[in-house]
Amino acid sequence: MGKIKVTDDCNGIRGLRIIEPTVFGDERGYFVETYNYNDFAAAGIDCKFVQDNQSASKKGVLRGLHFQINYPQDKLVRVISGEVYDVAVDLREDSPTFGRHFGVVLSAENKKQFFIPKNFAHGFLVLSEHAEFCYKVTDFYHPNDEGGLMWNDPELGIEWPLPDGMTAEDLILSEKDQANASFAEYRNR
């Protein structure tokens, strides 16, 4: 090990981890190993990733909070261009931190990655003019297996840092995300 620094003090929520890879840079640019199974397994992240995804979004786009119902996925997320505020909400009903969340700024500059285990809701808000977001998952996409929570649910109390010059009313959400359930609805399903 030694190529990555792993922080697992994420608001006391077991399983969430921030990964900071070692960056080798000089006057030409930099090199970074973004994933090495052996390093991750030694850090307690022993997953078989089966799919890589990438999305591009403009400033003020908020995607989430999404989760998978019957086919939960571990996720390893990072930003390769721009900056986002990334959030995970603990949906493990047997967890002492059920309903708690943690957020972290991920950017092309800081090169941090965020590991989110199964049974968490996940979302992000684009803070820069443009952002490209990449993530690895441990199960394939099942289109009829998606759930969602309201990004601004008062019970969750997520303090999203609004992009410069924007208000909450300016944020851009998909129609599906605008119709996401409240946390109370999720608990009482």
Protein backbone atom coordinates (compact mmCIF):
# COMPACT_ATOMS: atom_id res chain seq x y z
CA MET A 1 0.00 0.00 0.00
CA GLY A 2 1.08 3.62 0.15
CA LYS A 3 -0.23 4.79 -3.21
CA ILE A 4 -3.52 5.88 -1.66
CA LYS A 5 -4.56 7.64 1.52
CA VAL A 6 -7.92 6.46 2.84
CA THR A 7 -10.05 8.50 5.24
CA ASP A 8 -12.98 6.72 6.82
CA ASP A 9 -14.11 9.38 9.26
CA CYS A 10 -17.09 10.51 7.21
CA ASN A 11 -19.44 11.93 9.84
CA GLY A 12 -19.12 8.63 11.73
CA ILE A 13 -20.89 6.71 8.96
CA ARG A 14 -19.39 3.22 8.67
CA GLY A 15 -18.31 2.21 5.19
CA LEU A 16 -17.98 5.61 3.54
CA ARG A 17 -14.41 6.42 2.56
CA ILE A 18 -12.52 9.24 0.88
CA ILE A 19 -9.58 8.07 -1.20
CA GLU A 20 -6.70 10.35 -2.13
CA PRO A 21 -4.33 8.85 -4.68
CA THR A 22 -0.65 9.72 -4.88
CA VAL A 23 -0.03 12.19 -7.70
CA PHE A 24 3.31 12.08 -9.48
CA GLY A 25 3.87 15.42 -11.17
CA ASP A 26 6.58 17.41 -12.88
CA GLU A 27 6.87 20.20 -15.46
CA ARG A 28 5.22 17.94 -18.09
CA GLY A 29 2.07 17.30 -16.08
CA TYR A 30 1.13 14.44 -13.77
CA PHE A 31 0.41 10.72 -13.50
CA VAL A 32 -2.03 9.17 -11.06
CA GLU A 33 -3.17 5.60 -10.59
CA THR A 34 -6.90 5.99 -9.98
CA TYR A 35 -7.62 2.37 -9.13
CA ASN A 36 -5.49 -0.60 -8.12
CA TYR A 37 -7.34 -3.61 -6.76
CA ASN A 38 -4.52 -4.59 -4.39
CA ASP A 39 -4.28 -1.13 -2.80
CA PHE A 40 -8.04 -0.85 -2.40
CA ALA A 41 -8.40 -4.38 -0.99
CA ALA A 42 -5.61 -3.66 1.53
CA ALA A 43 -7.61 -0.59 2.59
CA GLY A 44 -10.75 -2.71 3.14
CA ILE A 45 -12.45 -1.92 -0.17
CA ASP A 46 -12.55 -5.39 -1.68
CA CYS A 47 -15.08 -5.07 -4.50
CA LYS A 48 -15.53 -6.46 -7.96
CA PHE A 49 -16.45 -3.51 -10.14
CA VAL A 50 -18.40 -4.56 -13.25
CA GLN A 51 -19.29 -1.28 -14.96
CA ASP A 52 -17.79 2.19 -15.40
CA ASN A 53 -20.06 5.20 -16.03
CA GLN A 54 -19.41 8.81 -16.95
CA SER A 55 -21.65 11.86 -17.10
CA ALA A 56 -21.17 15.49 -18.05
CA SER A 57 -23.23 18.28 -16.52
CA LYS A 58 -23.27 22.05 -16.43
CA LYS A 59 -23.19 24.38 -13.44
CA GLY A 60 -26.20 24.04 -11.16
CA VAL A 61 -27.21 20.54 -12.25
CA LEU A 62 -28.20 18.40 -9.27
CA ARG A 63 -28.44 14.67 -9.87
CA GLY A 64 -30.00 12.57 -7.14
CA LEU A 65 -30.49 11.43 -4.57
CA HIS A 66 -30.55 7.99 -6.25
CA PHE A 67 -30.41 4.44 -4.93
CA GLN A 68 -31.00 0.92 -6.21
CA ILE A 69 -33.80 -1.08 -4.59
CA ASN A 70 -33.16 -4.79 -5.27
CA TYR A 71 -29.73 -4.64 -6.89
CA PRO A 72 -27.70 -2.31 -4.66
CA GLN A 73 -24.30 -1.16 -5.86
CA ASP A 74 -21.04 -0.17 -4.23
CA LYS A 75 -19.78 2.96 -6.02
CA LEU A 76 -16.38 4.55 -6.43
CA VAL A 77 -16.90 8.10 -7.72
CA ARG A 78 -14.55 10.83 -8.91
CA VAL A 79 -14.49 13.99 -11.00
CA ILE A 80 -12.17 14.30 -14.00
CA SER A 81 -13.16 17.83 -15.02
CA GLY A 82 -14.63 20.60 -12.87
CA GLU A 83 -15.98 20.37 -9.33
CA VAL A 84 -19.02 18.84 -7.61
CA TYR A 85 -20.41 18.52 -4.12
CA ASP A 86 -21.05 14.80 -3.66
CA VAL A 87 -23.43 13.39 -1.03
CA ALA A 88 -24.24 9.93 0.34
CA VAL A 89 -27.19 9.15 2.65
CA ASP A 90 -27.17 5.99 4.78
CA LEU A 91 -30.25 3.86 3.94
CA ARG A 92 -29.17 0.78 5.91
CA GLU A 93 -32.09 0.39 8.29
CA ASP A 94 -30.00 -1.62 10.79
CA SER A 95 -27.30 1.06 10.87
CA PRO A 96 -26.92 3.41 13.83
CA THR A 97 -26.40 6.19 11.27
CA PHE A 98 -29.56 5.41 9.24
CA GLY A 99 -30.72 8.65 7.61
CA ARG A 100 -27.45 10.52 8.19
CA HIS A 101 -25.49 11.96 5.31
CA PHE A 102 -21.99 13.02 4.42
CA GLY A 103 -20.85 15.36 1.67
CA VAL A 104 -17.47 16.06 0.11
CA VAL A 105 -16.15 18.30 -2.66
CA LEU A 106 -14.68 16.25 -5.49
CA SER A 107 -12.74 18.00 -8.23
CA ALA A 108 -10.30 17.44 -11.04
CA GLU A 109 -7.88 19.50 -8.97
CA ASN A 110 -8.08 17.62 -5.65
CA LYS A 111 -8.40 14.19 -7.36
CA LYS A 112 -10.27 12.80 -4.35
CA GLN A 113 -12.49 9.78 -4.82
CA PHE A 114 -15.48 8.81 -2.71
CA PHE A 115 -16.35 5.17 -1.95
CA ILE A 116 -20.05 4.65 -1.24
CA PRO A 117 -21.11 1.16 -0.14
CA LYS A 118 -24.35 -0.60 -1.02
CA ASN A 119 -27.62 0.73 0.39
CA PHE A 120 -26.84 4.44 0.29
CA ALA A 121 -28.61 7.15 -1.67
CA HIS A 122 -26.22 9.21 -3.75
CA GLY A 123 -26.29 12.56 -5.50
CA PHE A 124 -24.14 15.46 -6.58
CA LEU A 125 -24.37 19.15 -7.42
CA VAL A 126 -22.13 20.73 -10.07
CA LEU A 127 -20.32 23.75 -8.63
CA SER A 128 -18.12 24.62 -11.62
CA GLU A 129 -19.18 25.79 -15.10
CA HIS A 130 -18.95 22.18 -16.30
CA ALA A 131 -18.08 18.86 -14.69
CA GLU A 132 -17.36 15.34 -15.84
CA PHE A 133 -18.16 12.69 -13.27
CA CYS A 134 -16.92 9.06 -13.41
CA TYR A 135 -17.92 6.12 -11.29
CA LYS A 136 -17.36 2.40 -10.97
CA VAL A 137 -20.19 0.15 -9.75
CA THR A 138 -20.39 -3.44 -8.51
CA ASP A 139 -23.65 -4.39 -10.25
CA PHE A 140 -25.05 -3.72 -13.68
CA TYR A 141 -27.70 -1.07 -14.29
CA HIS A 142 -31.27 -2.31 -13.87
CA PRO A 143 -33.61 0.40 -15.25
CA ASN A 144 -36.65 -0.65 -13.19
CA ASP A 145 -34.72 -0.77 -9.91
CA GLU A 146 -34.21 2.93 -9.20
CA GLY A 147 -35.38 4.82 -6.17
CA GLY A 148 -34.93 8.45 -5.25
CA LEU A 149 -35.08 10.85 -2.31
CA MET A 150 -35.78 14.58 -2.41
CA TRP A 151 -32.52 16.51 -2.61
CA ASN A 152 -33.91 19.16 -0.26
CA ASP A 153 -35.76 16.95 2.22
CA PRO A 154 -35.84 18.93 5.49
CA GLU A 155 -35.48 15.78 7.59
CA LEU A 156 -32.20 14.89 5.85
CA GLY A 157 -31.01 18.48 6.25
CA ILE A 158 -28.35 18.42 3.54
CA GLU A 159 -26.66 21.81 3.23
CA TRP A 160 -25.84 21.94 -0.46
CA PRO A 161 -23.26 24.66 -1.22
CA LEU A 162 -24.90 26.65 -4.00
CA PRO A 163 -22.73 27.52 -7.00
CA ASP A 164 -21.66 31.17 -7.22
CA GLY A 165 -24.52 33.43 -8.25
CA MET A 166 -27.23 30.75 -7.93
CA THR A 167 -30.17 30.22 -5.62
CA ALA A 168 -31.92 26.92 -4.85
CA GLU A 169 -34.60 27.89 -7.39
CA ASP A 170 -31.92 28.09 -10.11
CA LEU A 171 -30.80 24.48 -9.69
CA ILE A 172 -31.44 22.16 -12.62
CA LEU A 173 -33.08 18.80 -11.85
CA SER A 174 -34.55 16.14 -14.11
CA GLU A 175 -38.33 15.64 -14.01
CA LYS A 176 -37.71 12.31 -12.29
CA ASP A 177 -35.56 13.92 -9.58
CA GLN A 178 -38.16 16.63 -9.02
CA ALA A 179 -40.64 13.85 -8.13
CA ASN A 180 -38.39 11.94 -5.71
CA ALA A 181 -39.89 10.77 -2.41
CA SER A 182 -39.40 12.38 0.96
CA PHE A 183 -37.35 10.51 3.54
CA ALA A 184 -40.56 9.98 5.57
CA GLU A 185 -42.20 8.35 2.53
CA TYR A 186 -39.13 6.15 2.09
CA ARG A 187 -39.20 5.06 5.76
CA ASN A 188 -42.94 4.32 5.63
CA ARG A 189 -42.95 2.37 2.34
